Amino acid sequence: MSESVDEITALVGREVYSNNGVFVGEIEDVRLNLDQQSVTGLALGELNSELFAGTVQPENGVILPYRWVRAVGDVVLVNDIIERLKEPDETEEVVA
């Protein structure tokens, strides 16, 4: 496995942010592909309620594809694609 067991279990509990600094959630578990011996996803809980409003119930979590991960350190950074889940506010007006 390219990641050691210690490195994988150390991910649990880390906070996840977009590369724009928006809090996404906290890692609760890691999804593995045992055949390819690789991490395929991060199961997140403690989600940013504003980011996931209307798409995920607060008591549910989400699984992010590991390919979205940009960096792993004290926190995990993911692509800003996660921010696109949030729809624009209904009060915003489009000016032509």
Protein backbone atom coordinates (compact mmCIF):
# COMPACT_ATOMS: atom_id res chain seq x y z
CA MET A 1 0.00 0.00 0.00
CA SER A 2 1.38 3.41 -0.88
CA GLU A 3 0.06 4.86 2.38
CA SER A 4 0.92 3.14 5.64
CA VAL A 5 -1.82 2.07 8.05
CA ASP A 6 -0.65 4.74 10.51
CA GLU A 7 -0.89 7.45 7.85
CA ILE A 8 -4.40 6.35 6.88
CA THR A 9 -5.73 6.16 10.43
CA ALA A 10 -4.11 9.53 11.19
CA LEU A 11 -6.50 11.09 8.66
CA VAL A 12 -9.48 10.35 10.90
CA GLY A 13 -10.42 13.44 12.88
CA ARG A 14 -8.68 15.91 10.59
CA GLU A 15 -10.60 18.88 9.28
CA VAL A 16 -11.15 19.26 5.54
CA TYR A 17 -11.05 22.64 3.81
CA SER A 18 -11.36 23.70 0.20
CA ASN A 19 -8.23 25.24 -1.28
CA ASN A 20 -10.10 28.57 -0.93
CA GLY A 21 -10.21 28.13 2.86
CA VAL A 22 -13.86 27.08 3.21
CA PHE A 23 -14.46 24.48 5.95
CA VAL A 24 -16.03 21.34 4.43
CA GLY A 25 -16.18 18.80 7.28
CA GLU A 26 -14.23 16.41 9.47
CA ILE A 27 -12.91 13.03 8.36
CA GLU A 28 -14.73 10.18 10.12
CA ASP A 29 -13.53 7.29 8.00
CA VAL A 30 -11.50 6.40 4.92
CA ARG A 31 -12.74 4.38 1.95
CA LEU A 32 -10.17 1.93 0.62
CA ASN A 33 -9.82 -0.14 -2.54
CA LEU A 34 -8.11 -3.24 -1.21
CA ASP A 35 -7.46 -4.71 -4.67
CA GLN A 36 -5.53 -1.62 -5.77
CA GLN A 37 -4.28 -0.92 -2.24
CA SER A 38 -5.29 2.72 -2.38
CA VAL A 39 -7.48 5.30 -0.67
CA THR A 40 -10.52 6.09 -2.83
CA GLY A 41 -12.58 8.39 -0.63
CA LEU A 42 -12.95 10.31 2.60
CA ALA A 43 -16.11 9.91 4.68
CA LEU A 44 -16.90 13.27 6.24
CA GLY A 45 -19.11 14.19 9.15
CA GLU A 46 -19.51 17.41 11.14
CA LEU A 47 -20.30 19.01 7.79
CA ASN A 48 -20.37 22.72 7.03
CA SER A 49 -24.14 23.19 7.29
CA GLU A 50 -24.11 26.24 5.04
CA LEU A 51 -22.13 24.50 2.30
CA PHE A 52 -24.37 21.42 2.27
CA ALA A 53 -27.71 23.10 3.05
CA GLY A 54 -30.49 21.55 0.98
CA THR A 55 -28.31 18.74 -0.37
CA VAL A 56 -27.37 16.68 2.71
CA GLN A 57 -29.31 16.18 5.93
CA PRO A 58 -27.30 17.39 8.96
CA GLU A 59 -27.18 13.91 10.53
CA ASN A 60 -25.80 12.37 7.30
CA GLY A 61 -22.26 12.55 6.04
CA VAL A 62 -20.73 12.58 2.58
CA ILE A 63 -17.95 10.70 0.86
CA LEU A 64 -15.55 12.83 -1.15
CA PRO A 65 -13.53 11.19 -3.91
CA TYR A 66 -9.89 11.03 -2.87
CA ARG A 67 -8.91 12.42 -6.29
CA TRP A 68 -10.27 15.79 -5.04
CA VAL A 69 -7.57 15.91 -2.33
CA ARG A 70 -4.88 18.48 -3.10
CA ALA A 71 -2.78 18.29 0.07
CA VAL A 72 -2.63 16.45 3.37
CA GLY A 73 -1.05 18.05 6.43
CA ASP A 74 -2.49 19.26 9.72
CA VAL A 75 -5.67 19.72 7.68
CA VAL A 76 -6.72 18.20 4.36
CA LEU A 77 -7.20 20.51 1.39
CA VAL A 78 -9.58 19.56 -1.41
CA ASN A 79 -10.37 21.15 -4.76
CA ASP A 80 -12.79 24.04 -4.69
CA ILE A 81 -15.27 21.93 -6.68
CA ILE A 82 -16.92 21.19 -3.34
CA GLU A 83 -18.00 24.83 -3.14
CA ARG A 84 -19.96 24.44 -6.36
CA LEU A 85 -22.45 22.25 -4.50
CA LYS A 86 -23.81 25.39 -2.89
CA GLU A 87 -26.37 27.06 -5.10
CA PRO A 88 -26.33 30.86 -5.40
CA ASP A 89 -28.51 32.72 -2.91
CA GLU A 90 -31.99 33.38 -4.22
CA THR A 91 -31.59 37.04 -3.27
CA GLU A 92 -28.66 37.51 -5.65
CA GLU A 93 -29.59 39.27 -8.84
CA VAL A 94 -27.85 38.76 -12.14
CA VAL A 95 -26.94 42.07 -13.75
CA ALA A 96 -26.64 41.99 -17.54
